[in-house]
Amino acid sequence: MEDISSKIRIRRKMMALSQGKLAEGITSQPAISRLENGKFTIRLDEFLDVMERLNLSIHDVFCNGDKTPDLIVRERLDDARSNQDYIKMAEILESESGGFWKQSPELDGYKYWHQGLVKQSKGEYRMALRLISTAIEKNQTNEWMYEAVAEMHLAKGNIYNMTDLGGLDSYKDALLFYEKSKKQSPGLVVKILYNLAVSLCEDNEHEKSLKYCNKALDILHKNDSTYLIVHILYMKLSALIHLRQYEEYTVLKEKNKIFFENYNEVELLNKLENYSARNIS
């Protein structure tokens, strides 16, 4: 019964329902609490009503290893998003009826989020922002969706930058929700930190930009990853120049020159030479 109880508890939280709200008109809150703790004291008719409210079938609850339809769709959208396959995204969104997406705030949020990304790919930025904002509103109090909400804010920041409006506030929100999620997703957090560093550098907030560069580099090194490392090093070097910390800049540049060479980004180092002590003094 423990696995069944876990499925019920997870589904309830995904739908942003309290135990009392789930129990309303069916049974008592203590009965739901006992059910989620593996104590099957609820009547069968009440149990079936609880399943109906959670949009779960008996098959969903009692069969192990089989993925539910909504999970399959979310995973397909995750895959399309990671590959930036907007045509596939649109096909998945159109393949399900409107009622399918209303099963939970999580699933409804997924729909609006990916509709926004499809609109972004077509250059319809205003509509994209509206759709992604709706997705955020539906899930910003859902602890199971905090990591996804962080990625939604990241997408908003990128769209703002595409329209020259500046995405700094959205990137800050993205970092806030990522930290609240307590998940370990190095790729996502490094993207957020990188965009924060770039935005702050553009606002001449080089001290703050440097802080985020250091955080991102620390994560990259801890995870043996080279993801964005060259560009983050570039942002850190640029920040050090503007802060006139020339000695640290010189040491860091020489120490990490091999990264720029290995990834064919030597032109970035050449670009830094234009910001020498002579040129900005």
C-alpha atoms as a PDB file:
ATOM      1  CA  MET A   1       0.000   0.000   0.000  1.00  0.00           C
ATOM      2  CA  GLU A   2       2.973   2.331   0.478  1.00  0.00           C
ATOM      3  CA  ASP A   3       3.464   2.787  -3.281  1.00  0.00           C
ATOM      4  CA  ILE A   4      -0.258   3.515  -3.770  1.00  0.00           C
ATOM      5  CA  SER A   5      -0.197   6.045  -0.934  1.00  0.00           C
ATOM      6  CA  SER A   6       2.822   7.746  -2.473  1.00  0.00           C
ATOM      7  CA  LYS A   7       1.098   8.023  -5.850  1.00  0.00           C
ATOM      8  CA  ILE A   8      -1.951   9.604  -4.240  1.00  0.00           C
ATOM      9  CA  ARG A   9       0.118  12.067  -2.203  1.00  0.00           C
ATOM     10  CA  ILE A  10       2.242  13.098  -5.210  1.00  0.00           C
ATOM     11  CA  ARG A  11      -0.797  13.515  -7.440  1.00  0.00           C
ATOM     12  CA  ARG A  12      -2.595  15.625  -4.820  1.00  0.00           C
ATOM     13  CA  LYS A  13       0.378  17.955  -4.518  1.00  0.00           C
ATOM     14  CA  MET A  14       0.765  18.167  -8.298  1.00  0.00           C
ATOM     15  CA  MET A  15      -2.853  19.337  -8.466  1.00  0.00           C
ATOM     16  CA  ALA A  16      -2.149  21.891  -5.708  1.00  0.00           C
ATOM     17  CA  LEU A  17      -4.860  20.411  -3.465  1.00  0.00           C
ATOM     18  CA  SER A  18      -4.701  20.387   0.314  1.00  0.00           C
ATOM     19  CA  GLN A  19      -5.782  17.214   2.105  1.00  0.00           C
ATOM     20  CA  GLY A  20      -8.900  19.047   3.241  1.00  0.00           C
ATOM     21  CA  LYS A  21      -9.759  20.169  -0.279  1.00  0.00           C
ATOM     22  CA  LEU A  22      -9.303  16.644  -1.622  1.00  0.00           C
ATOM     23  CA  ALA A  23     -11.532  15.266   1.124  1.00  0.00           C
ATOM     24  CA  GLU A  24     -14.264  17.889   0.679  1.00  0.00           C
ATOM     25  CA  GLY A  25     -17.653  16.260   0.059  1.00  0.00           C
ATOM     26  CA  ILE A  26     -16.128  12.762   0.057  1.00  0.00           C
ATOM     27  CA  THR A  27     -14.537  11.941   3.402  1.00  0.00           C
ATOM     28  CA  SER A  28     -12.561  13.613   6.188  1.00  0.00           C
ATOM     29  CA  GLN A  29      -9.113  15.204   6.094  1.00  0.00           C
ATOM     30  CA  PRO A  30      -7.779  12.682   8.667  1.00  0.00           C
ATOM     31  CA  ALA A  31      -8.973   9.854   6.387  1.00  0.00           C
ATOM     32  CA  ILE A  32      -6.931  11.317   3.502  1.00  0.00           C
ATOM     33  CA  SER A  33      -3.949  11.717   5.813  1.00  0.00           C
ATOM     34  CA  ARG A  34      -4.188   8.054   6.834  1.00  0.00           C
ATOM     35  CA  LEU A  35      -4.535   6.995   3.200  1.00  0.00           C
ATOM     36  CA  GLU A  36      -1.374   8.908   2.254  1.00  0.00           C
ATOM     37  CA  ASN A  37       0.444   7.237   5.143  1.00  0.00           C
ATOM     38  CA  GLY A  38      -0.400   3.729   3.987  1.00  0.00           C
ATOM     39  CA  LYS A  39      -3.379   3.112   6.267  1.00  0.00           C
ATOM     40  CA  PHE A  40      -6.214   1.989   3.988  1.00  0.00           C
ATOM     41  CA  THR A  41      -9.160   2.686   6.316  1.00  0.00           C
ATOM     42  CA  ILE A  42     -11.267   4.598   3.791  1.00  0.00           C
ATOM     43  CA  ARG A  43     -14.428   3.017   2.318  1.00  0.00           C
ATOM     44  CA  LEU A  44     -14.177   1.706  -1.249  1.00  0.00           C
ATOM     45  CA  ASP A  45     -16.782   4.141  -2.628  1.00  0.00           C
ATOM     46  CA  GLU A  46     -14.930   7.027  -0.982  1.00  0.00           C
ATOM     47  CA  PHE A  47     -11.632   5.760  -2.374  1.00  0.00           C
ATOM     48  CA  LEU A  48     -13.094   5.675  -5.898  1.00  0.00           C
ATOM     49  CA  ASP A  49     -14.402   9.235  -5.477  1.00  0.00           C
ATOM     50  CA  VAL A  50     -10.933  10.358  -4.367  1.00  0.00           C
ATOM     51  CA  MET A  51      -9.435   8.717  -7.459  1.00  0.00           C
ATOM     52  CA  GLU A  52     -11.944  10.500  -9.681  1.00  0.00           C
ATOM     53  CA  ARG A  53     -11.135  13.881  -8.127  1.00  0.00           C
ATOM     54  CA  LEU A  54      -7.444  13.220  -8.717  1.00  0.00           C
ATOM     55  CA  ASN A  55      -8.128  12.153 -12.330  1.00  0.00           C
ATOM     56  CA  LEU A  56      -6.515   8.789 -11.577  1.00  0.00           C
ATOM     57  CA  SER A  57      -7.748   5.428 -12.793  1.00  0.00           C
ATOM     58  CA  ILE A  58      -7.431   2.207 -10.835  1.00  0.00           C
ATOM     59  CA  HIS A  59      -4.857   1.167 -13.431  1.00  0.00           C
ATOM     60  CA  ASP A  60      -2.826   4.327 -12.719  1.00  0.00           C
ATOM     61  CA  VAL A  61      -2.722   3.560  -9.001  1.00  0.00           C
ATOM     62  CA  PHE A  62      -2.319  -0.200  -8.840  1.00  0.00           C
ATOM     63  CA  CYS A  63      -0.099  -0.929 -11.863  1.00  0.00           C
ATOM     64  CA  ASN A  64       3.625  -0.477 -11.290  1.00  0.00           C
ATOM     65  CA  GLY A  65       6.053   0.563 -14.006  1.00  0.00           C
ATOM     66  CA  ASP A  66       3.425   1.849 -16.456  1.00  0.00           C
ATOM     67  CA  LYS A  67       3.497   5.583 -17.086  1.00  0.00           C
ATOM     68  CA  THR A  68       0.268   7.555 -17.007  1.00  0.00           C
ATOM     69  CA  PRO A  69      -0.782   9.408 -20.190  1.00  0.00           C
ATOM     70  CA  ASP A  70      -0.112  12.833 -18.691  1.00  0.00           C
ATOM     71  CA  LEU A  71       3.419  11.804 -17.653  1.00  0.00           C
ATOM     72  CA  ILE A  72       4.114  10.485 -21.153  1.00  0.00           C
ATOM     73  CA  VAL A  73       2.991  13.796 -22.696  1.00  0.00           C
ATOM     74  CA  ARG A  74       5.096  15.844 -20.251  1.00  0.00           C
ATOM     75  CA  GLU A  75       8.162  13.732 -21.009  1.00  0.00           C
ATOM     76  CA  ARG A  76       7.596  14.143 -24.756  1.00  0.00           C
ATOM     77  CA  LEU A  77       7.379  17.919 -24.304  1.00  0.00           C
ATOM     78  CA  ASP A  78      10.524  17.892 -22.145  1.00  0.00           C
ATOM     79  CA  ASP A  79      12.363  16.040 -24.905  1.00  0.00           C
ATOM     80  CA  ALA A  80      11.115  18.416 -27.622  1.00  0.00           C
ATOM     81  CA  ARG A  81      12.088  21.430 -25.482  1.00  0.00           C
ATOM     82  CA  SER A  82      15.593  20.127 -24.783  1.00  0.00           C
ATOM     83  CA  ASN A  83      16.093  19.653 -28.535  1.00  0.00           C
ATOM     84  CA  GLN A  84      14.436  22.997 -29.371  1.00  0.00           C
ATOM     85  CA  ASP A  85      12.123  21.072 -31.685  1.00  0.00           C
ATOM     86  CA  TYR A  86       9.242  23.541 -31.917  1.00  0.00           C
ATOM     87  CA  ILE A  87       7.484  21.653 -34.706  1.00  0.00           C
ATOM     88  CA  LYS A  88       7.336  18.549 -32.503  1.00  0.00           C
ATOM     89  CA  MET A  89       6.164  20.695 -29.595  1.00  0.00           C
ATOM     90  CA  ALA A  90       3.266  22.027 -31.641  1.00  0.00           C
ATOM     91  CA  GLU A  91       2.335  18.518 -32.797  1.00  0.00           C
ATOM     92  CA  ILE A  92       2.218  17.232 -29.200  1.00  0.00           C
ATOM     93  CA  LEU A  93       0.120  20.194 -28.044  1.00  0.00           C
ATOM     94  CA  GLU A  94      -2.368  19.694 -30.876  1.00  0.00           C
ATOM     95  CA  SER A  95      -2.607  15.945 -30.334  1.00  0.00           C
ATOM     96  CA  GLU A  96      -4.559  16.254 -27.083  1.00  0.00           C
ATOM     97  CA  SER A  97      -8.001  17.755 -26.466  1.00  0.00           C
ATOM     98  CA  GLY A  98      -8.604  20.756 -24.226  1.00  0.00           C
ATOM     99  CA  GLY A  99     -10.001  18.554 -21.470  1.00  0.00           C
ATOM    100  CA  PHE A 100      -6.785  16.548 -21.298  1.00  0.00           C
ATOM    101  CA  TRP A 101      -4.772  19.605 -20.237  1.00  0.00           C
ATOM    102  CA  LYS A 102      -7.253  20.524 -17.480  1.00  0.00           C
ATOM    103  CA  GLN A 103      -6.382  17.454 -15.382  1.00  0.00           C
ATOM    104  CA  SER A 104      -4.057  19.472 -13.167  1.00  0.00           C
ATOM    105  CA  PRO A 105      -2.483  22.948 -12.871  1.00  0.00           C
ATOM    106  CA  GLU A 106       0.828  21.263 -13.678  1.00  0.00           C
ATOM    107  CA  LEU A 107      -0.383  19.861 -16.980  1.00  0.00           C
ATOM    108  CA  ASP A 108      -2.242  23.073 -17.850  1.00  0.00           C
ATOM    109  CA  GLY A 109       0.942  25.001 -17.087  1.00  0.00           C
ATOM    110  CA  TYR A 110       2.905  22.715 -19.391  1.00  0.00           C
ATOM    111  CA  LYS A 111       0.463  23.524 -22.177  1.00  0.00           C
ATOM    112  CA  TYR A 112       0.754  27.320 -21.807  1.00  0.00           C
ATOM    113  CA  TRP A 113       4.535  27.143 -21.326  1.00  0.00           C
ATOM    114  CA  HIS A 114       5.157  25.205 -24.519  1.00  0.00           C
ATOM    115  CA  GLN A 115       2.586  27.170 -26.493  1.00  0.00           C
ATOM    116  CA  GLY A 116       4.624  30.214 -25.489  1.00  0.00           C
ATOM    117  CA  LEU A 117       7.844  28.631 -26.687  1.00  0.00           C
ATOM    118  CA  VAL A 118       6.234  27.799 -30.037  1.00  0.00           C
ATOM    119  CA  LYS A 119       5.087  31.428 -30.366  1.00  0.00           C
ATOM    120  CA  GLN A 120       8.593  32.606 -29.475  1.00  0.00           C
ATOM    121  CA  SER A 121      10.059  30.458 -32.262  1.00  0.00           C
ATOM    122  CA  LYS A 122       7.754  32.274 -34.697  1.00  0.00           C
ATOM    123  CA  GLY A 123       8.787  35.701 -33.454  1.00  0.00           C
ATOM    124  CA  GLU A 124       5.425  36.356 -31.750  1.00  0.00           C
ATOM    125  CA  TYR A 125       7.080  37.641 -28.592  1.00  0.00           C
ATOM    126  CA  ARG A 126       4.168  39.471 -26.980  1.00  0.00           C
ATOM    127  CA  MET A 127       1.921  36.415 -27.155  1.00  0.00           C
ATOM    128  CA  ALA A 128       4.792  34.190 -26.024  1.00  0.00           C
ATOM    129  CA  LEU A 129       5.274  36.310 -22.891  1.00  0.00           C
ATOM    130  CA  ARG A 130       1.555  36.245 -22.161  1.00  0.00           C
ATOM    131  CA  LEU A 131       1.350  32.457 -22.430  1.00  0.00           C
ATOM    132  CA  ILE A 132       4.465  31.783 -20.347  1.00  0.00           C
ATOM    133  CA  SER A 133       3.283  34.261 -17.702  1.00  0.00           C
ATOM    134  CA  THR A 134       0.005  32.325 -17.492  1.00  0.00           C
ATOM    135  CA  ALA A 135       1.947  29.077 -17.035  1.00  0.00           C
ATOM    136  CA  ILE A 136       3.912  30.672 -14.186  1.00  0.00           C
ATOM    137  CA  GLU A 137       0.745  31.951 -12.483  1.00  0.00           C
ATOM    138  CA  LYS A 138      -0.752  28.468 -12.525  1.00  0.00           C
ATOM    139  CA  ASN A 139       2.246  26.836 -10.843  1.00  0.00           C
ATOM    140  CA  GLN A 140       4.194  29.420  -8.835  1.00  0.00           C
ATOM    141  CA  THR A 141       2.748  28.069  -5.561  1.00  0.00           C
ATOM    142  CA  ASN A 142       3.164  24.410  -6.563  1.00  0.00           C
ATOM    143  CA  GLU A 143       6.347  23.102  -4.935  1.00  0.00           C
ATOM    144  CA  TRP A 144       6.496  20.188  -7.387  1.00  0.00           C
ATOM    145  CA  MET A 145       6.814  22.661 -10.249  1.00  0.00           C
ATOM    146  CA  TYR A 146       9.396  25.095  -8.865  1.00  0.00           C
ATOM    147  CA  GLU A 147      12.174  23.815 -11.123  1.00  0.00           C
ATOM    148  CA  ALA A 148       9.904  24.094 -14.179  1.00  0.00           C
ATOM    149  CA  VAL A 149       8.813  27.588 -13.078  1.00  0.00           C
ATOM    150  CA  ALA A 150      12.499  28.554 -12.894  1.00  0.00           C
ATOM    151  CA  GLU A 151      12.899  27.448 -16.497  1.00  0.00           C
ATOM    152  CA  MET A 152       9.775  29.414 -17.463  1.00  0.00           C
ATOM    153  CA  HIS A 153      11.245  32.589 -15.955  1.00  0.00           C
ATOM    154  CA  LEU A 154      14.481  31.878 -17.829  1.00  0.00           C
ATOM    155  CA  ALA A 155      12.485  31.681 -21.071  1.00  0.00           C
ATOM    156  CA  LYS A 156      10.779  34.997 -20.241  1.00  0.00           C
ATOM    157  CA  GLY A 157      14.137  36.642 -19.636  1.00  0.00           C
ATOM    158  CA  ASN A 158      15.422  35.415 -22.979  1.00  0.00           C
ATOM    159  CA  ILE A 159      12.358  36.813 -24.766  1.00  0.00           C
ATOM    160  CA  TYR A 160      12.751  40.172 -23.036  1.00  0.00           C
ATOM    161  CA  ASN A 161      16.357  40.267 -24.230  1.00  0.00           C
ATOM    162  CA  MET A 162      15.260  39.456 -27.784  1.00  0.00           C
ATOM    163  CA  THR A 163      13.025  42.519 -27.665  1.00  0.00           C
ATOM    164  CA  ASP A 164      15.693  44.715 -26.018  1.00  0.00           C
ATOM    165  CA  LEU A 165      13.617  45.103 -22.847  1.00  0.00           C
ATOM    166  CA  GLY A 166      16.167  43.441 -20.555  1.00  0.00           C
ATOM    167  CA  GLY A 167      15.605  40.154 -18.798  1.00  0.00           C
ATOM    168  CA  LEU A 168      17.416  40.779 -15.509  1.00  0.00           C
ATOM    169  CA  ASP A 169      14.331  40.605 -13.261  1.00  0.00           C
ATOM    170  CA  SER A 170      13.156  37.391 -14.916  1.00  0.00           C
ATOM    171  CA  TYR A 171      16.587  35.815 -14.469  1.00  0.00           C
ATOM    172  CA  LYS A 172      16.513  36.779 -10.780  1.00  0.00           C
ATOM    173  CA  ASP A 173      13.102  35.108 -10.454  1.00  0.00           C
ATOM    174  CA  ALA A 174      14.460  32.054 -12.259  1.00  0.00           C
ATOM    175  CA  LEU A 175      17.281  31.724  -9.723  1.00  0.00           C
ATOM    176  CA  LEU A 176      14.853  32.211  -6.822  1.00  0.00           C
ATOM    177  CA  PHE A 177      12.579  29.385  -7.965  1.00  0.00           C
ATOM    178  CA  TYR A 178      15.514  27.127  -8.794  1.00  0.00           C
ATOM    179  CA  GLU A 179      16.842  27.536  -5.249  1.00  0.00           C
ATOM    180  CA  LYS A 180      13.351  26.949  -3.808  1.00  0.00           C
ATOM    181  CA  SER A 181      13.069  23.708  -5.800  1.00  0.00           C
ATOM    182  CA  LYS A 182      16.121  22.258  -3.981  1.00  0.00           C
ATOM    183  CA  LYS A 183      16.871  20.290  -7.149  1.00  0.00           C
ATOM    184  CA  GLN A 184      20.326  19.624  -8.556  1.00  0.00           C
ATOM    185  CA  SER A 185      20.214  20.593 -12.245  1.00  0.00           C
ATOM    186  CA  PRO A 186      23.653  22.023 -13.116  1.00  0.00           C
ATOM    187  CA  GLY A 187      22.746  22.716 -16.740  1.00  0.00           C
ATOM    188  CA  LEU A 188      19.732  24.832 -15.795  1.00  0.00           C
ATOM    189  CA  VAL A 189      21.309  26.813 -12.973  1.00  0.00           C
ATOM    190  CA  VAL A 190      24.422  27.568 -15.034  1.00  0.00           C
ATOM    191  CA  LYS A 191      22.220  28.981 -17.807  1.00  0.00           C
ATOM    192  CA  ILE A 192      20.475  31.176 -15.246  1.00  0.00           C
ATOM    193  CA  LEU A 193      23.721  32.360 -13.659  1.00  0.00           C
ATOM    194  CA  TYR A 194      25.289  33.041 -17.052  1.00  0.00           C
ATOM    195  CA  ASN A 195      22.361  35.190 -18.161  1.00  0.00           C
ATOM    196  CA  LEU A 196      22.396  37.028 -14.830  1.00  0.00           C
ATOM    197  CA  ALA A 197      26.102  37.752 -15.278  1.00  0.00           C
ATOM    198  CA  VAL A 198      25.595  39.042 -18.830  1.00  0.00           C
ATOM    199  CA  SER A 199      22.619  41.229 -17.857  1.00  0.00           C
ATOM    200  CA  LEU A 200      24.458  42.739 -14.887  1.00  0.00           C
ATOM    201  CA  CYS A 201      27.544  43.365 -16.975  1.00  0.00           C
ATOM    202  CA  GLU A 202      25.418  45.220 -19.538  1.00  0.00           C
ATOM    203  CA  ASP A 203      24.083  47.354 -16.650  1.00  0.00           C
ATOM    204  CA  ASN A 204      27.678  48.065 -15.527  1.00  0.00           C
ATOM    205  CA  GLU A 205      27.060  46.056 -12.327  1.00  0.00           C
ATOM    206  CA  HIS A 206      30.406  44.291 -12.663  1.00  0.00           C
ATOM    207  CA  GLU A 207      30.802  43.432  -8.982  1.00  0.00           C
ATOM    208  CA  LYS A 208      27.513  41.527  -9.029  1.00  0.00           C
ATOM    209  CA  SER A 209      28.288  40.002 -12.426  1.00  0.00           C
ATOM    210  CA  LEU A 210      31.545  38.668 -11.013  1.00  0.00           C
ATOM    211  CA  LYS A 211      29.676  37.011  -8.130  1.00  0.00           C
ATOM    212  CA  TYR A 212      27.433  35.058 -10.493  1.00  0.00           C
ATOM    213  CA  CYS A 213      30.370  34.131 -12.728  1.00  0.00           C
ATOM    214  CA  ASN A 214      32.120  32.619  -9.720  1.00  0.00           C
ATOM    215  CA  LYS A 215      29.002  30.670  -8.730  1.00  0.00           C
ATOM    216  CA  ALA A 216      28.596  29.280 -12.236  1.00  0.00           C
ATOM    217  CA  LEU A 217      32.257  28.308 -12.537  1.00  0.00           C
ATOM    218  CA  ASP A 218      32.145  26.599  -9.155  1.00  0.00           C
ATOM    219  CA  ILE A 219      29.170  24.499 -10.284  1.00  0.00           C
ATOM    220  CA  LEU A 220      30.849  23.651 -13.579  1.00  0.00           C
ATOM    221  CA  HIS A 221      34.048  22.534 -11.906  1.00  0.00           C
ATOM    222  CA  LYS A 222      32.203  20.480  -9.283  1.00  0.00           C
ATOM    223  CA  ASN A 223      30.258  18.670 -11.984  1.00  0.00           C
ATOM    224  CA  ASP A 224      33.225  18.165 -14.306  1.00  0.00           C
ATOM    225  CA  SER A 225      31.318  20.056 -16.952  1.00  0.00           C
ATOM    226  CA  THR A 226      32.548  22.387 -19.698  1.00  0.00           C
ATOM    227  CA  TYR A 227      29.045  23.682 -20.386  1.00  0.00           C
ATOM    228  CA  LEU A 228      29.323  27.419 -21.161  1.00  0.00           C
ATOM    229  CA  ILE A 229      32.633  27.521 -19.301  1.00  0.00           C
ATOM    230  CA  VAL A 230      34.429  29.554 -21.979  1.00  0.00           C
ATOM    231  CA  HIS A 231      31.749  32.223 -22.142  1.00  0.00           C
ATOM    232  CA  ILE A 232      31.459  32.433 -18.364  1.00  0.00           C
ATOM    233  CA  LEU A 233      35.222  32.798 -18.080  1.00  0.00           C
ATOM    234  CA  TYR A 234      34.980  35.588 -20.625  1.00  0.00           C
ATOM    235  CA  MET A 235      32.328  37.356 -18.543  1.00  0.00           C
ATOM    236  CA  LYS A 236      34.459  36.975 -15.412  1.00  0.00           C
ATOM    237  CA  LEU A 237      37.544  38.340 -17.157  1.00  0.00           C
ATOM    238  CA  SER A 238      35.524  41.259 -18.502  1.00  0.00           C
ATOM    239  CA  ALA A 239      34.188  42.010 -15.018  1.00  0.00           C
ATOM    240  CA  LEU A 240      37.710  41.933 -13.546  1.00  0.00           C
ATOM    241  CA  ILE A 241      38.902  44.424 -16.171  1.00  0.00           C
ATOM    242  CA  HIS A 242      36.085  46.856 -15.422  1.00  0.00           C
ATOM    243  CA  LEU A 243      36.799  46.488 -11.703  1.00  0.00           C
ATOM    244  CA  ARG A 244      40.481  47.240 -12.492  1.00  0.00           C
ATOM    245  CA  GLN A 245      41.598  44.010 -10.865  1.00  0.00           C
ATOM    246  CA  TYR A 246      44.283  43.609 -13.525  1.00  0.00           C
ATOM    247  CA  GLU A 247      46.571  41.236 -11.656  1.00  0.00           C
ATOM    248  CA  GLU A 248      43.808  38.677 -11.031  1.00  0.00           C
ATOM    249  CA  TYR A 249      42.635  39.163 -14.632  1.00  0.00           C
ATOM    250  CA  THR A 250      46.100  38.365 -16.035  1.00  0.00           C
ATOM    251  CA  VAL A 251      46.550  35.269 -13.880  1.00  0.00           C
ATOM    252  CA  LEU A 252      43.057  33.951 -14.678  1.00  0.00           C
ATOM    253  CA  LYS A 253      43.474  34.559 -18.412  1.00  0.00           C
ATOM    254  CA  GLU A 254      46.798  32.728 -18.619  1.00  0.00           C
ATOM    255  CA  LYS A 255      45.561  29.875 -16.438  1.00  0.00           C
ATOM    256  CA  ASN A 256      42.464  29.292 -18.563  1.00  0.00           C
ATOM    257  CA  LYS A 257      43.774  30.149 -22.022  1.00  0.00           C
ATOM    258  CA  ILE A 258      43.697  26.468 -22.941  1.00  0.00           C
ATOM    259  CA  PHE A 259      39.882  26.408 -22.607  1.00  0.00           C
ATOM    260  CA  PHE A 260      39.545  29.120 -25.246  1.00  0.00           C
ATOM    261  CA  GLU A 261      41.950  27.314 -27.544  1.00  0.00           C
ATOM    262  CA  ASN A 262      40.293  23.904 -27.132  1.00  0.00           C
ATOM    263  CA  TYR A 263      36.854  25.294 -27.923  1.00  0.00           C
ATOM    264  CA  ASN A 264      37.977  27.507 -30.817  1.00  0.00           C
ATOM    265  CA  GLU A 265      37.041  30.679 -28.954  1.00  0.00           C
ATOM    266  CA  VAL A 266      40.406  32.462 -29.097  1.00  0.00           C
ATOM    267  CA  GLU A 267      38.663  35.468 -30.669  1.00  0.00           C
ATOM    268  CA  LEU A 268      37.035  36.066 -27.279  1.00  0.00           C
ATOM    269  CA  LEU A 269      40.477  36.420 -25.728  1.00  0.00           C
ATOM    270  CA  ASN A 270      41.468  38.787 -28.531  1.00  0.00           C
ATOM    271  CA  LYS A 271      38.346  40.799 -27.828  1.00  0.00           C
ATOM    272  CA  LEU A 272      39.396  41.128 -24.179  1.00  0.00           C
ATOM    273  CA  GLU A 273      42.656  42.733 -25.268  1.00  0.00           C
ATOM    274  CA  ASN A 274      40.609  45.719 -26.460  1.00  0.00           C
ATOM    275  CA  TYR A 275      39.704  46.279 -22.799  1.00  0.00           C
ATOM    276  CA  SER A 276      43.269  46.493 -21.581  1.00  0.00           C
ATOM    277  CA  ALA A 277      44.339  48.680 -18.682  1.00  0.00           C
ATOM    278  CA  ARG A 278      45.542  51.297 -21.179  1.00  0.00           C
ATOM    279  CA  ASN A 279      42.234  51.490 -23.007  1.00  0.00           C
ATOM    280  CA  ILE A 280      39.954  51.884 -20.011  1.00  0.00           C
ATOM    281  CA  SER A 281      42.201  53.940 -17.688  1.00  0.00           C
END
